[in-house]
Amino acid sequence: MEAITFSPAQVHVFNLVSHIKSSLGLDKLREQLAAFYAKQVDEEMDTLWENGQFDEKRMQELRGSHFRTPYKK
């Protein structure tokens, strides 16, 4: 069996979350992680908008699009 090697960031997160003892603590962590990733997406979209790689026209083209994987029944 091959050993799993964790990055220093993963080890740090494991150590931090080991202190969560309640579902409320877990809920708060989920909220913080969601906020962190939402901020990352906002910053990336701002960069794309400023560089001209994304604009109002492209946004309208994507409106109503569905990118889910079609499943065969």
Protein backbone atom coordinates (compact mmCIF):
# COMPACT_ATOMS: atom_id res chain seq x y z
CA MET A 1 0.00 0.00 0.00
CA GLU A 2 1.33 3.42 -0.95
CA ALA A 3 1.67 6.05 1.79
CA ILE A 4 -0.25 9.29 1.35
CA THR A 5 1.85 12.43 1.62
CA PHE A 6 0.09 15.60 2.73
CA SER A 7 1.25 19.11 1.93
CA PRO A 8 2.11 21.47 4.79
CA ALA A 9 -1.15 23.36 4.10
CA GLN A 10 -3.19 20.16 4.41
CA VAL A 11 -1.50 19.24 7.67
CA HIS A 12 -2.18 22.73 9.01
CA VAL A 13 -5.88 22.51 8.10
CA PHE A 14 -6.17 19.04 9.65
CA ASN A 15 -4.68 20.37 12.88
CA LEU A 16 -7.05 23.34 12.91
CA VAL A 17 -10.23 21.38 12.22
CA SER A 18 -9.37 18.80 14.85
CA HIS A 19 -10.47 21.41 17.40
CA ILE A 20 -14.02 21.64 16.02
CA LYS A 21 -16.25 19.77 18.46
CA SER A 22 -19.78 20.78 17.47
CA SER A 23 -22.02 21.02 14.45
CA LEU A 24 -22.21 24.78 15.03
CA GLY A 25 -18.43 25.00 14.72
CA LEU A 26 -18.57 22.97 11.51
CA ASP A 27 -21.31 25.24 10.13
CA LYS A 28 -19.20 28.31 10.89
CA LEU A 29 -16.20 26.75 9.16
CA ARG A 30 -18.31 25.98 6.09
CA GLU A 31 -19.53 29.59 5.98
CA GLN A 32 -15.96 30.89 6.21
CA LEU A 33 -14.74 28.56 3.47
CA ALA A 34 -17.66 29.52 1.22
CA ALA A 35 -16.90 33.22 1.80
CA PHE A 36 -13.21 32.64 1.07
CA TYR A 37 -13.91 30.92 -2.25
CA ALA A 38 -16.60 33.43 -3.22
CA LYS A 39 -14.04 36.22 -2.71
CA GLN A 40 -11.52 34.33 -4.86
CA VAL A 41 -14.08 34.00 -7.67
CA ASP A 42 -15.02 37.69 -7.42
CA GLU A 43 -11.37 38.73 -7.65
CA GLU A 44 -10.76 36.48 -10.66
CA MET A 45 -13.88 37.77 -12.42
CA ASP A 46 -12.77 41.37 -11.76
CA THR A 47 -9.40 40.56 -13.33
CA LEU A 48 -11.03 38.97 -16.38
CA TRP A 49 -13.37 41.97 -16.75
CA GLU A 50 -10.50 44.48 -16.47
CA ASN A 51 -8.43 42.56 -19.04
CA GLY A 52 -11.35 42.44 -21.47
CA GLN A 53 -11.56 38.65 -21.41
CA PHE A 54 -15.08 38.83 -20.00
CA ASP A 55 -17.62 41.53 -20.72
CA GLU A 56 -21.34 42.30 -20.81
CA LYS A 57 -21.74 40.65 -24.24
CA ARG A 58 -20.15 37.38 -23.05
CA MET A 59 -22.21 37.46 -19.87
CA GLN A 60 -25.42 37.75 -21.93
CA GLU A 61 -24.28 34.85 -24.14
CA LEU A 62 -23.90 32.64 -21.07
CA ARG A 63 -27.17 33.67 -19.46
CA GLY A 64 -29.50 30.71 -19.21
CA SER A 65 -26.81 28.19 -20.20
CA HIS A 66 -26.77 24.79 -18.55
CA PHE A 67 -23.47 22.96 -18.26
CA ARG A 68 -24.55 19.91 -16.33
CA THR A 69 -23.50 16.49 -17.51
CA PRO A 70 -26.37 14.89 -19.40
CA TYR A 71 -27.20 11.48 -18.00
CA LYS A 72 -28.61 8.72 -20.16
CA LYS A 73 -31.77 7.16 -18.84
